[in-house]
Amino acid sequence: MMQGNIWISTNLLGFAQSMTLVLRFQTRPSFGRAIFAHGSSSEPNSNSQFKGLKVILADDDDLNRTVTKKLLEKLGCHVTAVSSGFECLSALSAAENSFQIVLLDLHMPEMDGFEVALRIRKLRSQNWPLIIALTASAEEHVLERCLQIGISGVIRKPVLLQGMADELRRVL
């Protein structure tokens, strides 16, 4: 499939001594260089549109939560990160109307992002705070379901800075 080779070298007794794997990959320019090559010398984080935006991020995966939080901060957002749907609802209740954006992983244990969004919409306005889903799914029905329950946007994983900035700009 990848037009590579694999072979095993044996020792004098005929036992496997080492294995070699050679794969051929096409190199492309990195995503970051490609984004800013379009005549824009400034990075998305220079956009003052997101400066001071209060975001609550709910993702059960530590690594995804950390990376997403750093990207949001790079855009200028003030981020509160939580690891479950229950923590998200609790933080929203305690903070009254201070969060402008709720960023929800759709696939969390115990209470998934869909359920969290439904509860937010029952307790709050149908359009405030803005809710954006995080998902690795590319299935069309996921987007349809998000829109039906009051989720304003979707960011696909893996989360990239430019994709996040574009979706935030779109929903704001």
N, C-alpha and C. Protein backbone atom coordinates (compact mmCIF):
# COMPACT_ATOMS: atom_id res chain seq x y z
N MET A 1 0.81 -1.19 0.00
CA MET A 1 0.00 0.00 0.00
C MET A 1 0.86 1.26 0.00
N MET A 2 1.89 1.27 0.84
CA MET A 2 2.71 2.46 0.95
C MET A 2 4.00 2.33 0.15
N GLN A 3 4.07 1.31 -0.69
CA GLN A 3 5.23 1.07 -1.55
C GLN A 3 6.53 1.05 -0.76
N GLY A 4 6.52 0.29 0.31
CA GLY A 4 7.70 0.16 1.15
C GLY A 4 8.20 -1.27 1.16
N ASN A 5 9.17 -1.53 1.98
CA ASN A 5 9.74 -2.87 2.12
C ASN A 5 9.89 -3.22 3.58
N ILE A 6 9.84 -4.52 3.87
CA ILE A 6 10.08 -5.01 5.21
C ILE A 6 10.90 -6.28 5.09
N TRP A 7 11.91 -6.42 5.91
CA TRP A 7 12.68 -7.65 5.91
C TRP A 7 13.28 -7.91 7.28
N ILE A 8 13.60 -9.19 7.49
CA ILE A 8 14.17 -9.64 8.76
C ILE A 8 15.56 -10.17 8.51
N SER A 9 16.50 -9.75 9.34
CA SER A 9 17.87 -10.27 9.29
C SER A 9 18.02 -11.32 10.38
N THR A 10 18.61 -12.44 10.04
CA THR A 10 18.79 -13.51 11.02
C THR A 10 20.23 -13.58 11.49
N ASN A 11 20.42 -14.21 12.65
CA ASN A 11 21.77 -14.43 13.15
C ASN A 11 22.29 -15.77 12.61
N LEU A 12 23.44 -16.20 13.05
CA LEU A 12 24.04 -17.45 12.56
C LEU A 12 23.20 -18.68 12.88
N LEU A 13 22.39 -18.63 13.93
CA LEU A 13 21.55 -19.76 14.31
C LEU A 13 20.20 -19.76 13.59
N GLY A 14 19.94 -18.74 12.80
CA GLY A 14 18.69 -18.67 12.06
C GLY A 14 17.56 -17.95 12.78
N PHE A 15 17.87 -17.40 13.95
CA PHE A 15 16.85 -16.65 14.68
C PHE A 15 16.83 -15.19 14.23
N ALA A 16 15.65 -14.57 14.33
CA ALA A 16 15.53 -13.17 13.94
C ALA A 16 16.42 -12.31 14.83
N GLN A 17 17.22 -11.49 14.18
CA GLN A 17 18.12 -10.61 14.90
C GLN A 17 17.64 -9.16 14.83
N SER A 18 17.13 -8.77 13.68
CA SER A 18 16.62 -7.41 13.52
C SER A 18 15.56 -7.38 12.42
N MET A 19 14.74 -6.36 12.49
CA MET A 19 13.71 -6.18 11.47
C MET A 19 13.87 -4.77 10.93
N THR A 20 13.74 -4.64 9.61
CA THR A 20 13.87 -3.35 8.97
C THR A 20 12.58 -3.05 8.21
N LEU A 21 12.10 -1.84 8.37
CA LEU A 21 10.90 -1.40 7.70
C LEU A 21 11.22 -0.10 6.99
N VAL A 22 10.96 -0.03 5.70
CA VAL A 22 11.20 1.17 4.92
C VAL A 22 9.88 1.59 4.30
N LEU A 23 9.43 2.79 4.62
CA LEU A 23 8.19 3.34 4.06
C LEU A 23 8.53 4.61 3.29
N ARG A 24 7.80 4.84 2.23
CA ARG A 24 8.01 6.05 1.44
C ARG A 24 6.84 6.99 1.67
N PHE A 25 7.18 8.20 2.08
CA PHE A 25 6.16 9.21 2.31
C PHE A 25 6.43 10.40 1.40
N GLN A 26 5.36 11.05 0.97
CA GLN A 26 5.49 12.28 0.23
C GLN A 26 5.58 13.41 1.24
N THR A 27 6.51 14.31 1.03
CA THR A 27 6.60 15.44 1.95
C THR A 27 5.80 16.60 1.40
N ARG A 28 5.16 17.32 2.30
CA ARG A 28 4.38 18.50 1.96
C ARG A 28 4.79 19.61 2.90
N PRO A 29 4.53 20.85 2.51
CA PRO A 29 4.84 21.93 3.46
C PRO A 29 3.97 21.79 4.70
N SER A 30 4.49 22.22 5.82
CA SER A 30 3.72 22.11 7.05
C SER A 30 2.48 22.98 6.98
N PHE A 31 1.44 22.60 7.72
CA PHE A 31 0.15 23.30 7.71
C PHE A 31 0.34 24.76 8.11
N GLY A 32 1.12 24.99 9.14
CA GLY A 32 1.32 26.35 9.64
C GLY A 32 1.90 27.28 8.58
N ARG A 33 2.87 26.79 7.82
CA ARG A 33 3.45 27.62 6.77
C ARG A 33 2.45 27.87 5.66
N ALA A 34 1.63 26.87 5.36
CA ALA A 34 0.65 27.01 4.28
C ALA A 34 -0.42 28.03 4.64
N ILE A 35 -0.81 28.10 5.89
CA ILE A 35 -1.87 29.02 6.30
C ILE A 35 -1.45 30.46 6.08
N PHE A 36 -0.25 30.80 6.46
CA PHE A 36 0.16 32.19 6.47
C PHE A 36 0.86 32.60 5.18
N ALA A 37 0.93 31.71 4.22
CA ALA A 37 1.55 32.04 2.95
C ALA A 37 0.58 32.79 2.03
N HIS A 38 -0.66 32.94 2.42
CA HIS A 38 -1.67 33.58 1.59
C HIS A 38 -1.64 35.10 1.69
N GLY A 39 -0.49 35.67 1.87
CA GLY A 39 -0.38 37.11 1.91
C GLY A 39 -0.62 37.71 3.27
N SER A 40 -0.98 36.90 4.23
CA SER A 40 -1.22 37.40 5.58
C SER A 40 0.01 37.11 6.41
N SER A 41 0.68 38.14 6.86
CA SER A 41 1.89 37.92 7.63
C SER A 41 1.61 37.74 9.11
N SER A 42 0.38 37.99 9.52
CA SER A 42 0.07 37.85 10.94
C SER A 42 -0.61 36.51 11.21
N GLU A 43 -0.36 35.96 12.36
CA GLU A 43 -0.96 34.70 12.77
C GLU A 43 -2.38 34.95 13.27
N PRO A 44 -3.20 33.88 13.36
CA PRO A 44 -4.56 34.07 13.84
C PRO A 44 -4.62 34.65 15.26
N ASN A 45 -3.57 34.45 16.06
CA ASN A 45 -3.63 34.93 17.43
C ASN A 45 -3.53 36.45 17.52
N SER A 46 -3.19 37.10 16.41
CA SER A 46 -3.14 38.56 16.44
C SER A 46 -4.53 39.16 16.26
N ASN A 47 -5.53 38.32 16.03
CA ASN A 47 -6.90 38.78 15.81
C ASN A 47 -7.51 39.18 17.15
N SER A 48 -7.79 40.47 17.30
CA SER A 48 -8.33 40.96 18.57
C SER A 48 -9.79 40.56 18.76
N GLN A 49 -10.42 39.98 17.74
CA GLN A 49 -11.82 39.56 17.84
C GLN A 49 -12.02 38.55 18.99
N PHE A 50 -11.00 37.74 19.28
CA PHE A 50 -11.12 36.71 20.32
C PHE A 50 -10.51 37.13 21.65
N LYS A 51 -9.86 38.26 21.70
CA LYS A 51 -9.18 38.70 22.92
C LYS A 51 -10.20 38.89 24.04
N GLY A 52 -9.99 38.19 25.14
CA GLY A 52 -10.86 38.29 26.30
C GLY A 52 -12.12 37.45 26.22
N LEU A 53 -12.32 36.71 25.14
CA LEU A 53 -13.49 35.85 25.00
C LEU A 53 -13.44 34.77 26.09
N LYS A 54 -14.52 34.65 26.86
CA LYS A 54 -14.55 33.68 27.96
C LYS A 54 -15.13 32.36 27.47
N VAL A 55 -14.29 31.33 27.56
CA VAL A 55 -14.62 30.01 27.03
C VAL A 55 -14.52 28.97 28.13
N ILE A 56 -15.50 28.07 28.18
CA ILE A 56 -15.36 26.88 29.02
C ILE A 56 -15.19 25.70 28.08
N LEU A 57 -14.17 24.92 28.34
CA LEU A 57 -13.81 23.76 27.51
C LEU A 57 -14.03 22.49 28.31
N ALA A 58 -14.84 21.57 27.79
CA ALA A 58 -15.09 20.29 28.46
C ALA A 58 -14.61 19.16 27.55
N ASP A 59 -13.56 18.46 28.00
CA ASP A 59 -13.03 17.31 27.26
C ASP A 59 -12.43 16.36 28.28
N ASP A 60 -12.80 15.08 28.21
CA ASP A 60 -12.32 14.11 29.19
C ASP A 60 -10.88 13.67 28.93
N ASP A 61 -10.37 13.87 27.73
CA ASP A 61 -9.00 13.45 27.39
C ASP A 61 -8.02 14.55 27.79
N ASP A 62 -7.09 14.22 28.69
CA ASP A 62 -6.15 15.21 29.21
C ASP A 62 -5.34 15.90 28.11
N LEU A 63 -4.82 15.11 27.17
CA LEU A 63 -3.98 15.68 26.11
C LEU A 63 -4.80 16.59 25.20
N ASN A 64 -5.97 16.12 24.76
CA ASN A 64 -6.81 16.96 23.90
C ASN A 64 -7.21 18.24 24.61
N ARG A 65 -7.55 18.13 25.90
CA ARG A 65 -7.96 19.30 26.68
C ARG A 65 -6.82 20.30 26.78
N THR A 66 -5.62 19.81 27.04
CA THR A 66 -4.46 20.69 27.17
C THR A 66 -4.13 21.39 25.86
N VAL A 67 -4.11 20.64 24.77
CA VAL A 67 -3.79 21.22 23.46
C VAL A 67 -4.85 22.23 23.05
N THR A 68 -6.11 21.87 23.19
CA THR A 68 -7.20 22.77 22.80
C THR A 68 -7.17 24.04 23.64
N LYS A 69 -6.90 23.91 24.93
CA LYS A 69 -6.81 25.07 25.82
C LYS A 69 -5.69 26.00 25.37
N LYS A 70 -4.53 25.44 25.04
CA LYS A 70 -3.39 26.25 24.58
C LYS A 70 -3.71 26.98 23.29
N LEU A 71 -4.40 26.30 22.36
CA LEU A 71 -4.78 26.94 21.10
C LEU A 71 -5.75 28.10 21.34
N LEU A 72 -6.73 27.88 22.21
CA LEU A 72 -7.68 28.95 22.53
C LEU A 72 -6.97 30.14 23.17
N GLU A 73 -6.04 29.85 24.07
CA GLU A 73 -5.28 30.92 24.72
C GLU A 73 -4.42 31.67 23.71
N LYS A 74 -3.89 30.94 22.74
CA LYS A 74 -3.10 31.57 21.69
C LYS A 74 -3.94 32.55 20.88
N LEU A 75 -5.23 32.25 20.76
CA LEU A 75 -6.15 33.16 20.06
C LEU A 75 -6.56 34.34 20.93
N GLY A 76 -6.21 34.31 22.22
CA GLY A 76 -6.54 35.41 23.11
C GLY A 76 -7.70 35.15 24.05
N CYS A 77 -8.23 33.93 24.03
CA CYS A 77 -9.37 33.58 24.88
C CYS A 77 -8.95 33.33 26.32
N HIS A 78 -9.86 33.60 27.26
CA HIS A 78 -9.70 33.21 28.66
C HIS A 78 -10.43 31.88 28.79
N VAL A 79 -9.69 30.82 29.16
CA VAL A 79 -10.25 29.47 29.12
C VAL A 79 -10.31 28.84 30.50
N THR A 80 -11.47 28.26 30.80
CA THR A 80 -11.63 27.40 31.96
C THR A 80 -11.82 26.00 31.40
N ALA A 81 -10.94 25.08 31.78
CA ALA A 81 -11.00 23.72 31.25
C ALA A 81 -11.49 22.76 32.33
N VAL A 82 -12.43 21.89 31.93
CA VAL A 82 -12.97 20.87 32.83
C VAL A 82 -12.94 19.53 32.11
N SER A 83 -13.04 18.45 32.90
CA SER A 83 -12.86 17.12 32.33
C SER A 83 -14.14 16.29 32.19
N SER A 84 -15.30 16.88 32.48
CA SER A 84 -16.54 16.11 32.35
C SER A 84 -17.72 17.03 32.09
N GLY A 85 -18.79 16.43 31.64
CA GLY A 85 -20.03 17.17 31.43
C GLY A 85 -20.58 17.74 32.72
N PHE A 86 -20.49 16.94 33.79
CA PHE A 86 -20.99 17.39 35.10
C PHE A 86 -20.22 18.62 35.58
N GLU A 87 -18.88 18.60 35.42
CA GLU A 87 -18.06 19.75 35.82
C GLU A 87 -18.40 20.97 34.99
N CYS A 88 -18.70 20.77 33.73
CA CYS A 88 -19.06 21.87 32.84
C CYS A 88 -20.35 22.53 33.32
N LEU A 89 -21.37 21.73 33.58
CA LEU A 89 -22.65 22.27 34.05
C LEU A 89 -22.50 22.98 35.39
N SER A 90 -21.69 22.42 36.26
CA SER A 90 -21.45 23.02 37.57
C SER A 90 -20.75 24.38 37.42
N ALA A 91 -19.74 24.44 36.56
CA ALA A 91 -19.02 25.70 36.34
C ALA A 91 -19.92 26.74 35.70
N LEU A 92 -20.78 26.31 34.78
CA LEU A 92 -21.72 27.24 34.15
C LEU A 92 -22.71 27.80 35.16
N SER A 93 -23.18 26.96 36.06
CA SER A 93 -24.13 27.40 37.09
C SER A 93 -23.49 28.41 38.04
N ALA A 94 -22.26 28.13 38.41
CA ALA A 94 -21.55 29.00 39.35
C ALA A 94 -21.16 30.34 38.72
N ALA A 95 -20.94 30.33 37.42
CA ALA A 95 -20.43 31.53 36.76
C ALA A 95 -21.52 32.43 36.20
N GLU A 96 -22.79 32.05 36.39
CA GLU A 96 -23.91 32.83 35.85
C GLU A 96 -23.75 32.99 34.34
N ASN A 97 -23.63 34.22 33.85
CA ASN A 97 -23.56 34.45 32.40
C ASN A 97 -22.17 34.85 31.92
N SER A 98 -21.13 34.46 32.63
CA SER A 98 -19.80 34.94 32.25
C SER A 98 -19.19 34.23 31.05
N PHE A 99 -19.56 32.98 30.76
CA PHE A 99 -18.98 32.29 29.62
C PHE A 99 -19.74 32.63 28.36
N GLN A 100 -19.00 32.99 27.32
CA GLN A 100 -19.62 33.31 26.04
C GLN A 100 -19.66 32.10 25.11
N ILE A 101 -18.68 31.21 25.27
CA ILE A 101 -18.58 30.01 24.43
C ILE A 101 -18.43 28.78 25.31
N VAL A 102 -19.15 27.73 24.97
CA VAL A 102 -18.98 26.42 25.61
C VAL A 102 -18.45 25.50 24.51
N LEU A 103 -17.27 24.97 24.72
CA LEU A 103 -16.65 24.05 23.76
C LEU A 103 -16.73 22.65 24.35
N LEU A 104 -17.51 21.77 23.71
CA LEU A 104 -17.82 20.45 24.27
C LEU A 104 -17.31 19.31 23.41
N ASP A 105 -16.57 18.40 24.03
CA ASP A 105 -16.27 17.13 23.37
C ASP A 105 -17.57 16.34 23.34
N LEU A 106 -17.93 15.82 22.18
CA LEU A 106 -19.20 15.09 22.08
C LEU A 106 -19.14 13.71 22.72
N HIS A 107 -17.95 13.13 22.83
CA HIS A 107 -17.84 11.75 23.32
C HIS A 107 -17.09 11.70 24.65
N MET A 108 -17.82 12.06 25.71
CA MET A 108 -17.29 11.97 27.06
C MET A 108 -18.05 10.88 27.80
N PRO A 109 -17.40 10.21 28.76
CA PRO A 109 -18.12 9.19 29.53
C PRO A 109 -19.14 9.84 30.47
N GLU A 110 -20.05 9.05 30.97
CA GLU A 110 -21.11 9.46 31.90
C GLU A 110 -22.13 10.41 31.28
N MET A 111 -21.69 11.58 30.82
CA MET A 111 -22.60 12.52 30.16
C MET A 111 -21.88 13.08 28.93
N ASP A 112 -22.36 12.71 27.75
CA ASP A 112 -21.68 13.17 26.54
C ASP A 112 -22.04 14.62 26.22
N GLY A 113 -21.36 15.17 25.22
CA GLY A 113 -21.56 16.56 24.85
C GLY A 113 -22.98 16.88 24.40
N PHE A 114 -23.65 15.91 23.76
CA PHE A 114 -25.03 16.14 23.34
C PHE A 114 -25.93 16.39 24.56
N GLU A 115 -25.77 15.55 25.58
CA GLU A 115 -26.58 15.68 26.79
C GLU A 115 -26.27 16.99 27.52
N VAL A 116 -24.99 17.35 27.58
CA VAL A 116 -24.61 18.61 28.23
C VAL A 116 -25.26 19.78 27.50
N ALA A 117 -25.20 19.75 26.16
CA ALA A 117 -25.80 20.83 25.36
C ALA A 117 -27.31 20.92 25.60
N LEU A 118 -27.98 19.77 25.64
CA LEU A 118 -29.42 19.76 25.90
C LEU A 118 -29.74 20.39 27.25
N ARG A 119 -28.95 20.05 28.26
CA ARG A 119 -29.20 20.60 29.60
C ARG A 119 -28.92 22.09 29.65
N ILE A 120 -27.88 22.53 28.94
CA ILE A 120 -27.59 23.97 28.89
C ILE A 120 -28.76 24.71 28.25
N ARG A 121 -29.28 24.17 27.17
CA ARG A 121 -30.39 24.81 26.46
C ARG A 121 -31.68 24.81 27.28
N LYS A 122 -31.87 23.80 28.13
CA LYS A 122 -33.06 23.78 29.00
C LYS A 122 -32.95 24.83 30.10
N LEU A 123 -31.73 25.03 30.61
CA LEU A 123 -31.53 25.95 31.73
C LEU A 123 -31.29 27.38 31.28
N ARG A 124 -30.79 27.55 30.09
CA ARG A 124 -30.42 28.87 29.59
C ARG A 124 -31.23 29.20 28.34
N SER A 125 -30.84 30.25 27.69
CA SER A 125 -31.47 30.68 26.45
C SER A 125 -31.16 29.67 25.33
N GLN A 126 -31.97 29.68 24.30
CA GLN A 126 -31.75 28.79 23.16
C GLN A 126 -30.53 29.19 22.34
N ASN A 127 -30.00 30.38 22.57
CA ASN A 127 -28.84 30.79 21.77
C ASN A 127 -27.70 31.40 22.59
N TRP A 128 -27.78 31.29 23.92
CA TRP A 128 -26.68 31.82 24.74
C TRP A 128 -26.45 30.94 25.93
N PRO A 129 -25.25 30.56 26.26
CA PRO A 129 -24.01 30.84 25.53
C PRO A 129 -23.96 30.05 24.22
N LEU A 130 -23.05 30.46 23.35
CA LEU A 130 -22.84 29.72 22.11
C LEU A 130 -22.17 28.40 22.45
N ILE A 131 -22.61 27.33 21.82
CA ILE A 131 -22.03 26.01 22.07
C ILE A 131 -21.37 25.52 20.79
N ILE A 132 -20.13 25.07 20.91
CA ILE A 132 -19.40 24.49 19.78
C ILE A 132 -18.98 23.09 20.18
N ALA A 133 -19.24 22.13 19.29
CA ALA A 133 -18.89 20.74 19.55
C ALA A 133 -17.49 20.43 19.04
N LEU A 134 -16.80 19.56 19.77
CA LEU A 134 -15.51 19.01 19.34
C LEU A 134 -15.75 17.54 19.02
N THR A 135 -15.37 17.11 17.83
CA THR A 135 -15.58 15.71 17.47
C THR A 135 -14.57 15.24 16.44
N ALA A 136 -14.26 13.95 16.51
CA ALA A 136 -13.42 13.33 15.49
C ALA A 136 -14.27 12.73 14.38
N SER A 137 -15.58 12.73 14.58
CA SER A 137 -16.49 12.13 13.61
C SER A 137 -16.65 13.01 12.37
N ALA A 138 -16.67 12.38 11.22
CA ALA A 138 -16.90 13.10 9.96
C ALA A 138 -18.29 12.79 9.42
N GLU A 139 -19.10 12.10 10.20
CA GLU A 139 -20.42 11.70 9.74
C GLU A 139 -21.37 12.89 9.71
N GLU A 140 -22.16 12.97 8.64
CA GLU A 140 -23.07 14.09 8.43
C GLU A 140 -24.16 14.16 9.50
N HIS A 141 -24.63 12.99 9.99
CA HIS A 141 -25.71 13.02 10.98
C HIS A 141 -25.28 13.67 12.29
N VAL A 142 -23.98 13.68 12.58
CA VAL A 142 -23.49 14.32 13.80
C VAL A 142 -23.74 15.83 13.71
N LEU A 143 -23.41 16.42 12.57
CA LEU A 143 -23.64 17.85 12.37
C LEU A 143 -25.13 18.18 12.45
N GLU A 144 -25.96 17.35 11.83
CA GLU A 144 -27.41 17.57 11.87
C GLU A 144 -27.94 17.52 13.30
N ARG A 145 -27.49 16.53 14.06
CA ARG A 145 -27.94 16.40 15.45
C ARG A 145 -27.50 17.61 16.28
N CYS A 146 -26.26 18.06 16.04
CA CYS A 146 -25.76 19.24 16.75
C CYS A 146 -26.67 20.45 16.51
N LEU A 147 -27.01 20.68 15.28
CA LEU A 147 -27.86 21.83 14.94
C LEU A 147 -29.24 21.70 15.56
N GLN A 148 -29.79 20.48 15.58
CA GLN A 148 -31.12 20.24 16.14
C GLN A 148 -31.21 20.57 17.62
N ILE A 149 -30.13 20.33 18.37
CA ILE A 149 -30.20 20.54 19.82
C ILE A 149 -29.62 21.88 20.27
N GLY A 150 -29.26 22.73 19.32
CA GLY A 150 -28.82 24.07 19.68
C GLY A 150 -27.32 24.28 19.75
N ILE A 151 -26.56 23.39 19.15
CA ILE A 151 -25.11 23.59 19.07
C ILE A 151 -24.84 24.43 17.83
N SER A 152 -24.11 25.53 18.01
CA SER A 152 -23.92 26.50 16.93
C SER A 152 -22.86 26.13 15.92
N GLY A 153 -21.88 25.31 16.32
CA GLY A 153 -20.79 24.99 15.41
C GLY A 153 -20.10 23.70 15.79
N VAL A 154 -19.24 23.23 14.89
CA VAL A 154 -18.50 21.99 15.10
C VAL A 154 -17.05 22.21 14.70
N ILE A 155 -16.14 21.78 15.56
CA ILE A 155 -14.71 21.78 15.24
C ILE A 155 -14.27 20.32 15.19
N ARG A 156 -13.69 19.94 14.09
CA ARG A 156 -13.24 18.56 13.90
C ARG A 156 -11.86 18.37 14.52
N LYS A 157 -11.69 17.20 15.13
CA LYS A 157 -10.39 16.81 15.66
C LYS A 157 -9.62 16.10 14.55
N PRO A 158 -8.33 16.22 14.50
CA PRO A 158 -7.48 16.97 15.43
C PRO A 158 -7.71 18.47 15.27
N VAL A 159 -7.71 19.16 16.38
CA VAL A 159 -7.98 20.59 16.39
C VAL A 159 -6.75 21.34 15.89
N LEU A 160 -6.98 22.20 14.91
CA LEU A 160 -5.90 23.04 14.36
C LEU A 160 -6.25 24.50 14.62
N LEU A 161 -5.25 25.31 14.84
CA LEU A 161 -5.44 26.71 15.21
C LEU A 161 -6.31 27.45 14.20
N GLN A 162 -6.01 27.33 12.92
CA GLN A 162 -6.76 28.07 11.90
C GLN A 162 -8.20 27.59 11.82
N GLY A 163 -8.43 26.28 11.92
CA GLY A 163 -9.78 25.74 11.89
C GLY A 163 -10.60 26.23 13.06
N MET A 164 -9.96 26.30 14.23
CA MET A 164 -10.64 26.80 15.43
C MET A 164 -10.98 28.28 15.26
N ALA A 165 -10.03 29.07 14.78
CA ALA A 165 -10.28 30.50 14.58
C ALA A 165 -11.40 30.71 13.57
N ASP A 166 -11.40 29.95 12.50
CA ASP A 166 -12.45 30.08 11.48
C ASP A 166 -13.83 29.77 12.05
N GLU A 167 -13.94 28.69 12.83
CA GLU A 167 -15.24 28.32 13.39
C GLU A 167 -15.71 29.31 14.45
N LEU A 168 -14.80 29.79 15.28
CA LEU A 168 -15.17 30.81 16.26
C LEU A 168 -15.67 32.07 15.55
N ARG A 169 -14.97 32.47 14.52
CA ARG A 169 -15.36 33.66 13.75
C ARG A 169 -16.75 33.45 13.13
N ARG A 170 -17.00 32.25 12.64
CA ARG A 170 -18.28 31.95 11.98
C ARG A 170 -19.46 32.02 12.96
N VAL A 171 -19.28 31.46 14.17
CA VAL A 171 -20.40 31.43 15.11
C VAL A 171 -20.60 32.76 15.84
N LEU A 172 -19.54 33.54 15.94
CA LEU A 172 -19.68 34.85 16.60
C LEU A 172 -20.34 35.82 15.65
